[in-house]
N, C-alpha and C. Protein backbone atom coordinates (compact mmCIF):
# COMPACT_ATOMS: atom_id res chain seq x y z
N MET A 1 27.94 -2.48 23.58
CA MET A 1 26.74 -1.74 23.35
C MET A 1 26.42 -1.79 21.86
N THR A 2 25.18 -2.09 21.50
CA THR A 2 24.79 -2.16 20.05
C THR A 2 24.09 -0.80 19.71
N GLN A 3 24.38 -0.36 18.55
CA GLN A 3 23.84 0.85 18.03
C GLN A 3 22.68 0.53 17.09
N ALA A 4 21.48 1.12 17.28
CA ALA A 4 20.37 0.90 16.42
C ALA A 4 20.61 1.60 15.01
N ILE A 5 20.40 0.81 14.01
CA ILE A 5 20.66 1.36 12.67
C ILE A 5 19.33 1.52 11.94
N GLY A 6 18.21 1.29 12.57
CA GLY A 6 16.90 1.45 11.95
C GLY A 6 16.13 0.16 11.96
N PRO A 7 15.03 0.17 11.31
CA PRO A 7 14.22 -1.14 11.19
C PRO A 7 14.92 -2.23 10.41
N VAL A 8 14.73 -3.48 10.81
CA VAL A 8 15.29 -4.60 10.19
C VAL A 8 14.09 -5.48 9.73
N ARG A 9 14.23 -6.04 8.45
CA ARG A 9 13.21 -6.89 7.95
C ARG A 9 13.81 -8.24 7.59
N THR A 10 13.05 -9.27 7.43
CA THR A 10 13.46 -10.58 7.06
C THR A 10 12.95 -11.01 5.69
N CYS A 11 13.81 -11.42 4.90
CA CYS A 11 13.43 -11.97 3.56
C CYS A 11 12.76 -13.29 3.79
N ILE A 12 11.51 -13.43 3.14
CA ILE A 12 10.82 -14.72 3.35
C ILE A 12 11.39 -15.82 2.49
N GLY A 13 12.34 -15.52 1.57
CA GLY A 13 12.97 -16.53 0.77
C GLY A 13 14.13 -17.17 1.43
N CYS A 14 15.13 -16.37 1.86
CA CYS A 14 16.31 -16.90 2.46
C CYS A 14 16.42 -16.75 3.97
N ARG A 15 15.42 -16.00 4.52
CA ARG A 15 15.29 -15.81 6.00
C ARG A 15 16.48 -14.93 6.57
N THR A 16 17.12 -14.17 5.69
CA THR A 16 18.12 -13.22 6.11
C THR A 16 17.58 -11.96 6.62
N ARG A 17 18.05 -11.44 7.71
CA ARG A 17 17.59 -10.20 8.29
C ARG A 17 18.48 -9.03 7.65
N THR A 18 17.78 -8.05 7.12
CA THR A 18 18.53 -6.89 6.58
C THR A 18 17.72 -5.61 6.55
N LEU A 19 18.24 -4.50 6.05
CA LEU A 19 17.59 -3.27 6.11
C LEU A 19 16.47 -3.32 4.97
N PRO A 20 15.32 -2.63 5.20
CA PRO A 20 14.25 -2.57 4.24
C PRO A 20 14.65 -2.05 2.86
N SER A 21 15.69 -1.17 2.79
CA SER A 21 16.10 -0.64 1.57
C SER A 21 16.72 -1.66 0.62
N GLU A 22 17.08 -2.85 1.14
CA GLU A 22 17.67 -3.92 0.33
C GLU A 22 16.68 -4.98 -0.05
N LEU A 23 15.42 -4.79 0.34
CA LEU A 23 14.35 -5.72 0.10
C LEU A 23 13.16 -5.10 -0.67
N LEU A 24 12.38 -6.00 -1.35
CA LEU A 24 11.18 -5.58 -1.97
C LEU A 24 9.96 -5.95 -1.08
N ARG A 25 9.06 -5.03 -0.86
CA ARG A 25 7.85 -5.35 -0.13
C ARG A 25 6.78 -5.92 -1.17
N VAL A 26 6.14 -6.96 -0.76
CA VAL A 26 5.08 -7.54 -1.52
C VAL A 26 3.82 -7.70 -0.78
N VAL A 27 2.68 -7.64 -1.40
CA VAL A 27 1.37 -7.69 -0.76
C VAL A 27 0.51 -8.63 -1.63
N ALA A 28 -0.53 -9.15 -0.98
CA ALA A 28 -1.51 -9.98 -1.69
C ALA A 28 -2.72 -9.07 -2.13
N VAL A 29 -2.96 -9.15 -3.44
CA VAL A 29 -4.11 -8.39 -4.01
C VAL A 29 -4.90 -9.32 -4.94
N ASP A 30 -6.09 -9.66 -4.52
CA ASP A 30 -6.98 -10.51 -5.34
C ASP A 30 -6.35 -11.84 -5.71
N GLY A 31 -5.75 -12.49 -4.77
CA GLY A 31 -5.22 -13.81 -5.02
C GLY A 31 -3.82 -13.81 -5.72
N SER A 32 -3.22 -12.69 -5.80
CA SER A 32 -1.91 -12.60 -6.48
C SER A 32 -0.96 -11.91 -5.55
N VAL A 33 0.33 -12.21 -5.62
CA VAL A 33 1.42 -11.45 -4.94
C VAL A 33 1.87 -10.39 -5.87
N VAL A 34 1.86 -9.12 -5.49
CA VAL A 34 2.22 -8.04 -6.30
C VAL A 34 3.32 -7.26 -5.61
N PRO A 35 4.35 -6.76 -6.41
CA PRO A 35 5.43 -5.94 -5.75
C PRO A 35 4.83 -4.54 -5.31
N ASP A 36 5.19 -4.13 -4.19
CA ASP A 36 4.84 -2.90 -3.67
C ASP A 36 6.05 -1.98 -3.69
N VAL A 37 6.40 -1.49 -4.91
CA VAL A 37 7.63 -0.68 -5.11
C VAL A 37 7.66 0.54 -4.22
N ARG A 38 6.58 1.26 -4.17
CA ARG A 38 6.49 2.50 -3.36
C ARG A 38 6.20 2.30 -1.94
N ARG A 39 5.93 1.04 -1.52
CA ARG A 39 5.67 0.65 -0.15
C ARG A 39 4.53 1.44 0.51
N ARG A 40 3.47 1.52 -0.33
CA ARG A 40 2.30 2.30 0.07
C ARG A 40 0.97 1.47 -0.04
N LEU A 41 1.03 0.29 -0.63
CA LEU A 41 -0.21 -0.54 -0.81
C LEU A 41 -0.76 -0.90 0.55
N PRO A 42 -2.06 -0.92 0.75
CA PRO A 42 -2.63 -1.31 2.02
C PRO A 42 -2.47 -2.86 2.24
N GLY A 43 -2.58 -3.27 3.48
CA GLY A 43 -2.61 -4.70 3.86
C GLY A 43 -1.28 -5.12 4.34
N ARG A 44 -1.28 -6.38 4.76
CA ARG A 44 -0.07 -7.01 5.30
C ARG A 44 0.95 -7.21 4.29
N GLY A 45 2.21 -6.89 4.53
CA GLY A 45 3.23 -7.01 3.58
C GLY A 45 4.24 -8.09 3.97
N ALA A 46 5.04 -8.54 3.01
CA ALA A 46 6.10 -9.41 3.28
C ALA A 46 7.35 -8.94 2.50
N TRP A 47 8.50 -9.32 2.83
CA TRP A 47 9.77 -8.75 2.30
C TRP A 47 10.55 -9.85 1.60
N LEU A 48 11.15 -9.46 0.40
CA LEU A 48 11.86 -10.39 -0.34
C LEU A 48 13.05 -9.74 -1.07
N HIS A 49 14.14 -10.37 -1.06
CA HIS A 49 15.30 -9.84 -1.88
C HIS A 49 14.98 -9.72 -3.37
N PHE A 50 15.66 -8.87 -4.10
CA PHE A 50 15.53 -8.70 -5.47
C PHE A 50 16.19 -9.81 -6.22
N ASP A 51 15.94 -11.08 -5.87
CA ASP A 51 16.68 -12.20 -6.34
C ASP A 51 15.70 -13.36 -6.63
N LEU A 52 15.86 -13.85 -7.87
CA LEU A 52 14.94 -14.95 -8.23
C LEU A 52 15.13 -16.19 -7.43
N GLU A 53 16.30 -16.40 -6.91
CA GLU A 53 16.57 -17.54 -6.00
C GLU A 53 15.79 -17.48 -4.70
N CYS A 54 15.64 -16.28 -4.17
CA CYS A 54 14.81 -16.08 -2.99
C CYS A 54 13.33 -16.29 -3.29
N LEU A 55 12.95 -15.83 -4.52
CA LEU A 55 11.53 -16.13 -4.88
C LEU A 55 11.25 -17.58 -5.06
N ARG A 56 12.24 -18.36 -5.62
CA ARG A 56 12.02 -19.82 -5.72
C ARG A 56 12.00 -20.44 -4.33
N ASN A 57 12.84 -20.08 -3.43
CA ASN A 57 12.82 -20.53 -2.12
C ASN A 57 11.50 -20.25 -1.38
N ALA A 58 11.00 -19.08 -1.53
CA ALA A 58 9.76 -18.69 -0.83
C ALA A 58 8.58 -19.57 -1.45
N GLU A 59 8.58 -19.80 -2.74
CA GLU A 59 7.59 -20.59 -3.37
C GLU A 59 7.70 -22.04 -2.90
N ARG A 60 8.85 -22.55 -2.82
CA ARG A 60 9.07 -23.96 -2.43
C ARG A 60 8.65 -24.17 -0.99
N ARG A 61 8.87 -23.20 -0.12
CA ARG A 61 8.48 -23.26 1.28
C ARG A 61 7.06 -22.84 1.59
N ARG A 62 6.34 -22.41 0.52
CA ARG A 62 4.99 -21.85 0.63
C ARG A 62 4.98 -20.71 1.63
N ALA A 63 5.93 -19.82 1.57
CA ALA A 63 6.04 -18.76 2.53
C ALA A 63 5.16 -17.58 2.30
N PHE A 64 4.68 -17.38 1.10
CA PHE A 64 3.87 -16.24 0.74
C PHE A 64 2.50 -16.28 1.51
N SER A 65 1.77 -17.33 1.38
CA SER A 65 0.49 -17.47 2.07
C SER A 65 0.63 -17.39 3.53
N ARG A 66 1.75 -17.95 4.10
CA ARG A 66 1.94 -17.91 5.56
C ARG A 66 2.35 -16.50 6.02
N ALA A 67 3.23 -15.85 5.30
CA ALA A 67 3.70 -14.50 5.69
C ALA A 67 2.54 -13.44 5.54
N LEU A 68 1.81 -13.62 4.41
CA LEU A 68 0.69 -12.60 4.16
C LEU A 68 -0.64 -12.96 4.82
N ARG A 69 -0.61 -14.11 5.52
CA ARG A 69 -1.79 -14.58 6.24
C ARG A 69 -3.05 -14.68 5.38
N VAL A 70 -2.84 -15.50 4.22
CA VAL A 70 -3.90 -15.67 3.29
C VAL A 70 -4.11 -17.24 3.14
N GLN A 71 -5.34 -17.60 3.10
CA GLN A 71 -5.68 -19.02 2.89
C GLN A 71 -5.48 -19.47 1.42
N GLY A 72 -4.95 -20.65 1.21
CA GLY A 72 -4.71 -21.20 -0.16
C GLY A 72 -3.47 -20.57 -0.82
N SER A 73 -3.23 -20.98 -2.01
CA SER A 73 -2.04 -20.58 -2.73
C SER A 73 -2.27 -19.24 -3.46
N LEU A 74 -1.17 -18.51 -3.68
CA LEU A 74 -1.20 -17.20 -4.36
C LEU A 74 -0.42 -17.36 -5.67
N ASP A 75 -0.89 -16.54 -6.61
CA ASP A 75 -0.24 -16.51 -7.94
C ASP A 75 0.93 -15.48 -7.84
N VAL A 76 2.13 -15.87 -8.27
CA VAL A 76 3.32 -15.02 -8.21
C VAL A 76 3.83 -14.61 -9.54
N ALA A 77 2.97 -14.72 -10.55
CA ALA A 77 3.42 -14.40 -11.93
C ALA A 77 3.82 -12.94 -12.03
N LEU A 78 3.09 -12.01 -11.48
CA LEU A 78 3.43 -10.54 -11.55
C LEU A 78 4.70 -10.31 -10.80
N LEU A 79 4.90 -10.90 -9.72
CA LEU A 79 6.16 -10.71 -8.94
C LEU A 79 7.30 -11.24 -9.70
N ARG A 80 7.18 -12.43 -10.29
CA ARG A 80 8.27 -13.07 -11.07
C ARG A 80 8.66 -12.17 -12.26
N GLU A 81 7.60 -11.65 -12.89
CA GLU A 81 7.93 -10.79 -14.06
C GLU A 81 8.64 -9.54 -13.62
N HIS A 82 8.25 -8.91 -12.49
CA HIS A 82 8.90 -7.72 -11.97
C HIS A 82 10.33 -8.04 -11.61
N LEU A 83 10.63 -9.18 -10.98
CA LEU A 83 12.06 -9.53 -10.61
C LEU A 83 12.90 -9.81 -11.81
N GLU A 84 12.25 -10.52 -12.82
CA GLU A 84 13.06 -10.75 -14.09
C GLU A 84 13.47 -9.53 -14.77
N GLN A 85 12.44 -8.56 -14.77
CA GLN A 85 12.67 -7.28 -15.40
C GLN A 85 13.83 -6.50 -14.64
N GLN A 86 13.79 -6.59 -13.35
CA GLN A 86 14.85 -5.91 -12.53
C GLN A 86 16.22 -6.56 -12.83
N HIS A 87 16.20 -7.85 -12.94
CA HIS A 87 17.42 -8.64 -13.25
C HIS A 87 18.00 -8.27 -14.57
N ARG A 88 17.14 -8.11 -15.55
CA ARG A 88 17.56 -7.69 -16.97
C ARG A 88 18.15 -6.30 -16.90
N ASN A 89 17.51 -5.42 -16.21
CA ASN A 89 17.93 -4.01 -16.10
C ASN A 89 19.33 -3.94 -15.45
N THR A 90 19.62 -4.73 -14.39
CA THR A 90 20.84 -4.65 -13.70
C THR A 90 21.94 -5.35 -14.42
N THR A 91 21.65 -6.35 -15.25
CA THR A 91 22.69 -7.10 -15.95
C THR A 91 22.95 -6.58 -17.33
N SER A 92 22.24 -5.58 -17.77
CA SER A 92 22.45 -5.03 -19.16
C SER A 92 23.61 -4.14 -19.17
N GLY A 93 24.31 -3.92 -18.09
CA GLY A 93 25.55 -3.14 -18.14
C GLY A 93 25.35 -1.72 -17.64
N GLN A 94 24.11 -1.30 -17.54
CA GLN A 94 23.86 0.12 -17.13
C GLN A 94 23.14 0.03 -15.82
N PRO A 95 23.61 0.83 -14.80
CA PRO A 95 22.84 0.82 -13.49
C PRO A 95 21.51 1.41 -13.68
N ARG A 96 20.61 0.92 -12.80
CA ARG A 96 19.19 1.45 -12.91
C ARG A 96 19.12 2.87 -12.73
N GLY A 97 18.30 3.55 -13.54
CA GLY A 97 18.01 4.98 -13.40
C GLY A 97 19.08 5.90 -13.78
N GLN A 98 20.18 5.44 -14.36
CA GLN A 98 21.26 6.32 -14.76
C GLN A 98 21.35 6.38 -16.23
N GLN A 99 21.45 7.61 -16.73
CA GLN A 99 21.73 7.78 -18.16
C GLN A 99 23.17 7.72 -18.49
N GLU A 100 23.49 7.39 -19.75
CA GLU A 100 24.86 7.36 -20.13
C GLU A 100 25.37 8.81 -20.21
N THR A 101 26.52 9.07 -19.64
CA THR A 101 27.02 10.38 -19.69
C THR A 101 28.31 10.38 -20.57
N ARG A 102 28.50 11.40 -21.38
CA ARG A 102 29.58 11.51 -22.25
C ARG A 102 30.32 12.71 -22.00
N LYS A 103 31.64 12.59 -22.05
CA LYS A 103 32.46 13.82 -21.87
C LYS A 103 32.50 14.63 -23.15
N GLN A 104 32.36 15.90 -22.97
CA GLN A 104 32.50 16.74 -24.08
C GLN A 104 33.99 17.21 -24.25
N VAL A 105 34.43 17.07 -25.47
CA VAL A 105 35.80 17.44 -25.76
C VAL A 105 35.85 18.78 -26.46
N ASP A 106 36.70 19.68 -25.95
CA ASP A 106 36.87 20.93 -26.48
C ASP A 106 37.62 20.81 -27.85
N PRO A 107 36.98 21.28 -28.95
CA PRO A 107 37.60 21.01 -30.29
C PRO A 107 38.90 21.94 -30.56
N SER A 108 39.11 22.94 -29.69
CA SER A 108 40.13 23.82 -30.03
C SER A 108 41.52 23.36 -29.62
């Protein structure tokens, strides 16, 4: 017997099925693919890992226009910039959204 763990989405880059919390939703806006970080933008969405390799695979396979059901090619510059910034934030040594905490030492 399988237990339902919630909705499952497929990354359009690597075609791996996983939870939406591990993927970034993207939508087409005026001929560009934009990240939908809050998952509230209107329109058809597609899902992508926070990985530049998945972005390259999706571009190579022309998956964005097919998944978003848009005619012609789409500009992915905003999405690429967003993923590169996420990559810089996670590789800088500090986890995202966390401040450095210091222990206070009692001088006595």
